[in-house]
Amino acid sequence: MRAMPDAAEEGGTIDFAARKITSPEFFLPLFREGMDIVAAAAAYLDGDGKRESEGLGTGRRLAYIAVSIHLVMVLTEIAAWLFLHRGVQEGEITMASAASDPGRPSISGLGRLADLPGRDAVPERLDELADRIDRLRIRLAATERALYGEQTAAFPNPVLQRIALIEAAFSRS
């Protein structure tokens, strides 16, 4: 992310962790990795995953659908987080604005895809993709905590709210 003003110049302290995390050397590879996973998930779900799911029995197919829905919602939040921070890195938005925005995407509150019911019933490639996403989510959550500290818990996570609505809808059927 773009160089931030020196806190020492303003009479404050310098946050070396934030400087490292917001550096292009740290952020750009993370951004590329995240976008690569988003592209791989889209290609799989639209192609081989769709074909693989057609051959599954009813229970396994429902598990495939549930895991896919969660996977897409988590990836949507990850992509939004990455694009927001790319905007900070490119100077389109300040870190202070990003930190204070109540609509800011949050990674810390996203649940692990590994904990989803039925995860053991999905095809191997979807399972591997979910594992990749979980590993990236863990790294992004650590990055987010280093940048914002406990501020991340102050905002409700819209993805988790949507997941709760979907789970409630499926539990009624």
C-alpha atoms as a PDB file:
ATOM      1  CA  MET A   1       0.000   0.000   0.000  1.00  0.00           C
ATOM      2  CA  ARG A   2       1.209   3.478  -0.635  1.00  0.00           C
ATOM      3  CA  ALA A   3       3.583   5.066   1.771  1.00  0.00           C
ATOM      4  CA  MET A   4       1.750   6.425   4.770  1.00  0.00           C
ATOM      5  CA  PRO A   5       2.748   9.727   6.354  1.00  0.00           C
ATOM      6  CA  ASP A   6       5.422   9.341   8.943  1.00  0.00           C
ATOM      7  CA  ALA A   7       3.762   9.315  12.350  1.00  0.00           C
ATOM      8  CA  ALA A   8       7.020  10.594  13.805  1.00  0.00           C
ATOM      9  CA  GLU A   9       6.625  13.734  11.696  1.00  0.00           C
ATOM     10  CA  GLU A  10       3.233  14.273  13.329  1.00  0.00           C
ATOM     11  CA  GLY A  11       4.578  13.671  16.834  1.00  0.00           C
ATOM     12  CA  GLY A  12       3.236  10.086  17.098  1.00  0.00           C
ATOM     13  CA  THR A  13       4.796   6.670  16.965  1.00  0.00           C
ATOM     14  CA  ILE A  14       5.569   4.676  13.850  1.00  0.00           C
ATOM     15  CA  ASP A  15       3.615   1.475  13.331  1.00  0.00           C
ATOM     16  CA  PHE A  16       6.208  -0.774  11.735  1.00  0.00           C
ATOM     17  CA  ALA A  17       3.802  -3.725  11.364  1.00  0.00           C
ATOM     18  CA  ALA A  18       1.344  -1.602   9.381  1.00  0.00           C
ATOM     19  CA  ARG A  19       4.191  -0.253   7.245  1.00  0.00           C
ATOM     20  CA  LYS A  20       5.349  -3.771   6.389  1.00  0.00           C
ATOM     21  CA  ILE A  21       1.832  -5.004   5.656  1.00  0.00           C
ATOM     22  CA  THR A  22       0.973  -1.992   3.532  1.00  0.00           C
ATOM     23  CA  SER A  23       4.158  -2.256   1.482  1.00  0.00           C
ATOM     24  CA  PRO A  24       3.793  -3.366  -2.156  1.00  0.00           C
ATOM     25  CA  GLU A  25       6.317  -6.161  -1.517  1.00  0.00           C
ATOM     26  CA  PHE A  26       3.961  -7.712   1.035  1.00  0.00           C
ATOM     27  CA  PHE A  27       0.545  -6.791  -0.351  1.00  0.00           C
ATOM     28  CA  LEU A  28       0.835  -7.329  -4.117  1.00  0.00           C
ATOM     29  CA  PRO A  29       1.739 -11.053  -3.927  1.00  0.00           C
ATOM     30  CA  LEU A  30      -1.116 -11.515  -1.445  1.00  0.00           C
ATOM     31  CA  PHE A  31      -3.494  -9.693  -3.792  1.00  0.00           C
ATOM     32  CA  ARG A  32      -2.403 -11.817  -6.770  1.00  0.00           C
ATOM     33  CA  GLU A  33      -2.775 -15.027  -4.765  1.00  0.00           C
ATOM     34  CA  GLY A  34      -6.262 -14.019  -3.670  1.00  0.00           C
ATOM     35  CA  MET A  35      -7.358 -13.142  -7.192  1.00  0.00           C
ATOM     36  CA  ASP A  36      -5.856 -16.405  -8.499  1.00  0.00           C
ATOM     37  CA  ILE A  37      -7.933 -18.368  -5.983  1.00  0.00           C
ATOM     38  CA  VAL A  38     -11.069 -16.421  -6.949  1.00  0.00           C
ATOM     39  CA  ALA A  39     -10.423 -17.215 -10.638  1.00  0.00           C
ATOM     40  CA  ALA A  40      -9.712 -20.900  -9.891  1.00  0.00           C
ATOM     41  CA  ALA A  41     -12.914 -21.206  -7.858  1.00  0.00           C
ATOM     42  CA  ALA A  42     -14.995 -19.550 -10.575  1.00  0.00           C
ATOM     43  CA  ALA A  43     -13.508 -21.808 -13.256  1.00  0.00           C
ATOM     44  CA  TYR A  44     -14.072 -24.937 -11.161  1.00  0.00           C
ATOM     45  CA  LEU A  45     -17.639 -24.108 -10.087  1.00  0.00           C
ATOM     46  CA  ASP A  46     -18.619 -23.113 -13.610  1.00  0.00           C
ATOM     47  CA  GLY A  47     -16.953 -26.096 -15.311  1.00  0.00           C
ATOM     48  CA  ASP A  48     -15.680 -29.303 -13.745  1.00  0.00           C
ATOM     49  CA  GLY A  49     -17.496 -28.717 -10.471  1.00  0.00           C
ATOM     50  CA  LYS A  50     -20.832 -28.416 -12.201  1.00  0.00           C
ATOM     51  CA  ARG A  51     -20.167 -31.668 -14.090  1.00  0.00           C
ATOM     52  CA  GLU A  52     -18.927 -33.449 -10.941  1.00  0.00           C
ATOM     53  CA  SER A  53     -21.998 -32.411  -8.969  1.00  0.00           C
ATOM     54  CA  GLU A  54     -24.355 -33.913 -11.556  1.00  0.00           C
ATOM     55  CA  GLY A  55     -23.082 -37.406 -10.766  1.00  0.00           C
ATOM     56  CA  LEU A  56     -23.537 -37.102  -7.001  1.00  0.00           C
ATOM     57  CA  GLY A  57     -26.374 -38.603  -4.999  1.00  0.00           C
ATOM     58  CA  THR A  58     -28.931 -36.295  -3.388  1.00  0.00           C
ATOM     59  CA  GLY A  59     -27.161 -35.948  -0.016  1.00  0.00           C
ATOM     60  CA  ARG A  60     -23.738 -35.353  -1.514  1.00  0.00           C
ATOM     61  CA  ARG A  61     -25.180 -32.943  -4.071  1.00  0.00           C
ATOM     62  CA  LEU A  62     -26.827 -30.894  -1.303  1.00  0.00           C
ATOM     63  CA  ALA A  63     -23.482 -30.837   0.539  1.00  0.00           C
ATOM     64  CA  TYR A  64     -21.790 -29.684  -2.688  1.00  0.00           C
ATOM     65  CA  ILE A  65     -24.345 -26.881  -3.085  1.00  0.00           C
ATOM     66  CA  ALA A  66     -24.042 -25.765   0.564  1.00  0.00           C
ATOM     67  CA  VAL A  67     -20.227 -25.739   0.503  1.00  0.00           C
ATOM     68  CA  SER A  68     -20.225 -23.958  -2.878  1.00  0.00           C
ATOM     69  CA  ILE A  69     -22.557 -21.233  -1.591  1.00  0.00           C
ATOM     70  CA  HIS A  70     -20.381 -20.656   1.484  1.00  0.00           C
ATOM     71  CA  LEU A  71     -17.239 -20.731  -0.639  1.00  0.00           C
ATOM     72  CA  VAL A  72     -18.612 -18.050  -2.982  1.00  0.00           C
ATOM     73  CA  MET A  73     -19.703 -15.837  -0.080  1.00  0.00           C
ATOM     74  CA  VAL A  74     -16.298 -16.113   1.599  1.00  0.00           C
ATOM     75  CA  LEU A  75     -14.516 -15.404  -1.686  1.00  0.00           C
ATOM     76  CA  THR A  76     -16.741 -12.374  -2.282  1.00  0.00           C
ATOM     77  CA  GLU A  77     -15.726 -10.944   1.095  1.00  0.00           C
ATOM     78  CA  ILE A  78     -12.051 -11.770   0.464  1.00  0.00           C
ATOM     79  CA  ALA A  79     -12.132 -10.099  -2.972  1.00  0.00           C
ATOM     80  CA  ALA A  80     -13.839  -6.994  -1.543  1.00  0.00           C
ATOM     81  CA  TRP A  81     -11.208  -6.817   1.229  1.00  0.00           C
ATOM     82  CA  LEU A  82      -8.367  -7.172  -1.276  1.00  0.00           C
ATOM     83  CA  PHE A  83      -9.789  -4.507  -3.605  1.00  0.00           C
ATOM     84  CA  LEU A  84     -10.311  -2.093  -0.705  1.00  0.00           C
ATOM     85  CA  HIS A  85      -6.711  -2.500   0.377  1.00  0.00           C
ATOM     86  CA  ARG A  86      -5.452  -2.240  -3.175  1.00  0.00           C
ATOM     87  CA  GLY A  87      -7.269   1.115  -3.273  1.00  0.00           C
ATOM     88  CA  VAL A  88      -5.347   2.128  -0.141  1.00  0.00           C
ATOM     89  CA  GLN A  89      -2.104   0.931  -1.708  1.00  0.00           C
ATOM     90  CA  GLU A  90      -2.763   2.921  -4.882  1.00  0.00           C
ATOM     91  CA  GLY A  91      -3.675   6.073  -2.943  1.00  0.00           C
ATOM     92  CA  GLU A  92      -7.383   6.080  -3.896  1.00  0.00           C
ATOM     93  CA  ILE A  93      -8.431   5.916  -0.236  1.00  0.00           C
ATOM     94  CA  THR A  94      -6.568   6.563   2.996  1.00  0.00           C
ATOM     95  CA  MET A  95      -5.938   3.864   5.566  1.00  0.00           C
ATOM     96  CA  ALA A  96      -7.820   6.001   8.092  1.00  0.00           C
ATOM     97  CA  SER A  97     -10.889   6.086   5.813  1.00  0.00           C
ATOM     98  CA  ALA A  98     -10.691   2.338   5.242  1.00  0.00           C
ATOM     99  CA  ALA A  99     -10.376   1.705   8.978  1.00  0.00           C
ATOM    100  CA  SER A 100     -13.313   3.898   9.961  1.00  0.00           C
ATOM    101  CA  ASP A 101     -15.769   2.697   7.295  1.00  0.00           C
ATOM    102  CA  PRO A 102     -18.502   0.631   9.000  1.00  0.00           C
ATOM    103  CA  GLY A 103     -19.160  -1.102   5.664  1.00  0.00           C
ATOM    104  CA  ARG A 104     -15.548  -2.224   5.379  1.00  0.00           C
ATOM    105  CA  PRO A 105     -15.223  -5.891   4.400  1.00  0.00           C
ATOM    106  CA  SER A 106     -13.966  -7.985   7.289  1.00  0.00           C
ATOM    107  CA  ILE A 107     -12.098 -11.275   7.105  1.00  0.00           C
ATOM    108  CA  SER A 108     -11.723 -11.922  10.837  1.00  0.00           C
ATOM    109  CA  GLY A 109     -15.334 -12.956  11.357  1.00  0.00           C
ATOM    110  CA  LEU A 110     -15.523 -15.417   8.471  1.00  0.00           C
ATOM    111  CA  GLY A 111     -15.936 -18.998   9.576  1.00  0.00           C
ATOM    112  CA  ARG A 112     -13.687 -21.804   8.447  1.00  0.00           C
ATOM    113  CA  LEU A 113     -14.894 -23.695   5.401  1.00  0.00           C
ATOM    114  CA  ALA A 114     -13.372 -26.795   7.018  1.00  0.00           C
ATOM    115  CA  ASP A 115     -16.083 -26.626   9.711  1.00  0.00           C
ATOM    116  CA  LEU A 116     -19.040 -26.733   7.320  1.00  0.00           C
ATOM    117  CA  PRO A 117     -21.468 -29.628   7.742  1.00  0.00           C
ATOM    118  CA  GLY A 118     -21.203 -32.042   4.829  1.00  0.00           C
ATOM    119  CA  ARG A 119     -17.703 -30.921   3.919  1.00  0.00           C
ATOM    120  CA  ASP A 120     -16.524 -34.536   3.990  1.00  0.00           C
ATOM    121  CA  ALA A 121     -19.080 -35.430   1.288  1.00  0.00           C
ATOM    122  CA  VAL A 122     -17.925 -32.977  -1.402  1.00  0.00           C
ATOM    123  CA  PRO A 123     -15.729 -33.918  -4.384  1.00  0.00           C
ATOM    124  CA  GLU A 124     -11.986 -33.864  -3.743  1.00  0.00           C
ATOM    125  CA  ARG A 125     -11.274 -30.814  -5.930  1.00  0.00           C
ATOM    126  CA  LEU A 126     -13.886 -28.700  -4.128  1.00  0.00           C
ATOM    127  CA  ASP A 127     -12.420 -29.860  -0.817  1.00  0.00           C
ATOM    128  CA  GLU A 128      -8.901 -28.853  -1.936  1.00  0.00           C
ATOM    129  CA  LEU A 129     -10.160 -25.473  -3.148  1.00  0.00           C
ATOM    130  CA  ALA A 130     -11.877 -24.867   0.202  1.00  0.00           C
ATOM    131  CA  ASP A 131      -8.607 -25.725   1.988  1.00  0.00           C
ATOM    132  CA  ARG A 132      -6.716 -23.167  -0.157  1.00  0.00           C
ATOM    133  CA  ILE A 133      -9.331 -20.543   0.653  1.00  0.00           C
ATOM    134  CA  ASP A 134      -9.125 -21.331   4.381  1.00  0.00           C
ATOM    135  CA  ARG A 135      -5.328 -20.928   4.347  1.00  0.00           C
ATOM    136  CA  LEU A 136      -5.634 -17.559   2.567  1.00  0.00           C
ATOM    137  CA  ARG A 137      -8.445 -16.473   4.926  1.00  0.00           C
ATOM    138  CA  ILE A 138      -6.236 -17.226   7.951  1.00  0.00           C
ATOM    139  CA  ARG A 139      -3.391 -15.098   6.533  1.00  0.00           C
ATOM    140  CA  LEU A 140      -5.733 -12.239   5.627  1.00  0.00           C
ATOM    141  CA  ALA A 141      -7.351 -12.339   9.084  1.00  0.00           C
ATOM    142  CA  ALA A 142      -3.895 -12.036  10.692  1.00  0.00           C
ATOM    143  CA  THR A 143      -3.098  -9.144   8.357  1.00  0.00           C
ATOM    144  CA  GLU A 144      -6.398  -7.488   9.220  1.00  0.00           C
ATOM    145  CA  ARG A 145      -5.765  -7.819  12.961  1.00  0.00           C
ATOM    146  CA  ALA A 146      -2.296  -6.306  12.519  1.00  0.00           C
ATOM    147  CA  LEU A 147      -3.780  -3.366  10.597  1.00  0.00           C
ATOM    148  CA  TYR A 148      -6.909  -2.683  12.621  1.00  0.00           C
ATOM    149  CA  GLY A 149      -6.495  -4.496  15.919  1.00  0.00           C
ATOM    150  CA  GLU A 150      -9.776  -5.134  17.656  1.00  0.00           C
ATOM    151  CA  GLN A 151     -11.635  -2.651  15.427  1.00  0.00           C
ATOM    152  CA  THR A 152     -12.525  -5.548  13.141  1.00  0.00           C
ATOM    153  CA  ALA A 153     -14.898  -7.009  15.725  1.00  0.00           C
ATOM    154  CA  ALA A 154     -16.779  -3.715  16.048  1.00  0.00           C
ATOM    155  CA  PHE A 155     -18.499  -4.054  12.674  1.00  0.00           C
ATOM    156  CA  PRO A 156     -20.993  -6.833  11.930  1.00  0.00           C
ATOM    157  CA  ASN A 157     -19.915  -9.071   9.076  1.00  0.00           C
ATOM    158  CA  PRO A 158     -22.505  -8.957   6.258  1.00  0.00           C
ATOM    159  CA  VAL A 159     -21.377 -12.317   4.886  1.00  0.00           C
ATOM    160  CA  LEU A 160     -22.005 -14.012   8.218  1.00  0.00           C
ATOM    161  CA  GLN A 161     -25.417 -12.358   8.356  1.00  0.00           C
ATOM    162  CA  ARG A 162     -26.266 -13.768   4.896  1.00  0.00           C
ATOM    163  CA  ILE A 163     -24.995 -17.217   5.851  1.00  0.00           C
ATOM    164  CA  ALA A 164     -27.249 -17.186   8.926  1.00  0.00           C
ATOM    165  CA  LEU A 165     -30.245 -16.277   6.739  1.00  0.00           C
ATOM    166  CA  ILE A 166     -29.469 -19.100   4.307  1.00  0.00           C
ATOM    167  CA  GLU A 167     -29.017 -21.605   7.122  1.00  0.00           C
ATOM    168  CA  ALA A 168     -32.307 -20.507   8.664  1.00  0.00           C
ATOM    169  CA  ALA A 169     -34.094 -20.898   5.324  1.00  0.00           C
ATOM    170  CA  PHE A 170     -32.695 -24.409   4.783  1.00  0.00           C
ATOM    171  CA  SER A 171     -33.448 -25.505   8.336  1.00  0.00           C
ATOM    172  CA  ARG A 172     -37.166 -24.757   7.805  1.00  0.00           C
ATOM    173  CA  SER A 173     -37.384 -27.097   4.822  1.00  0.00           C
END
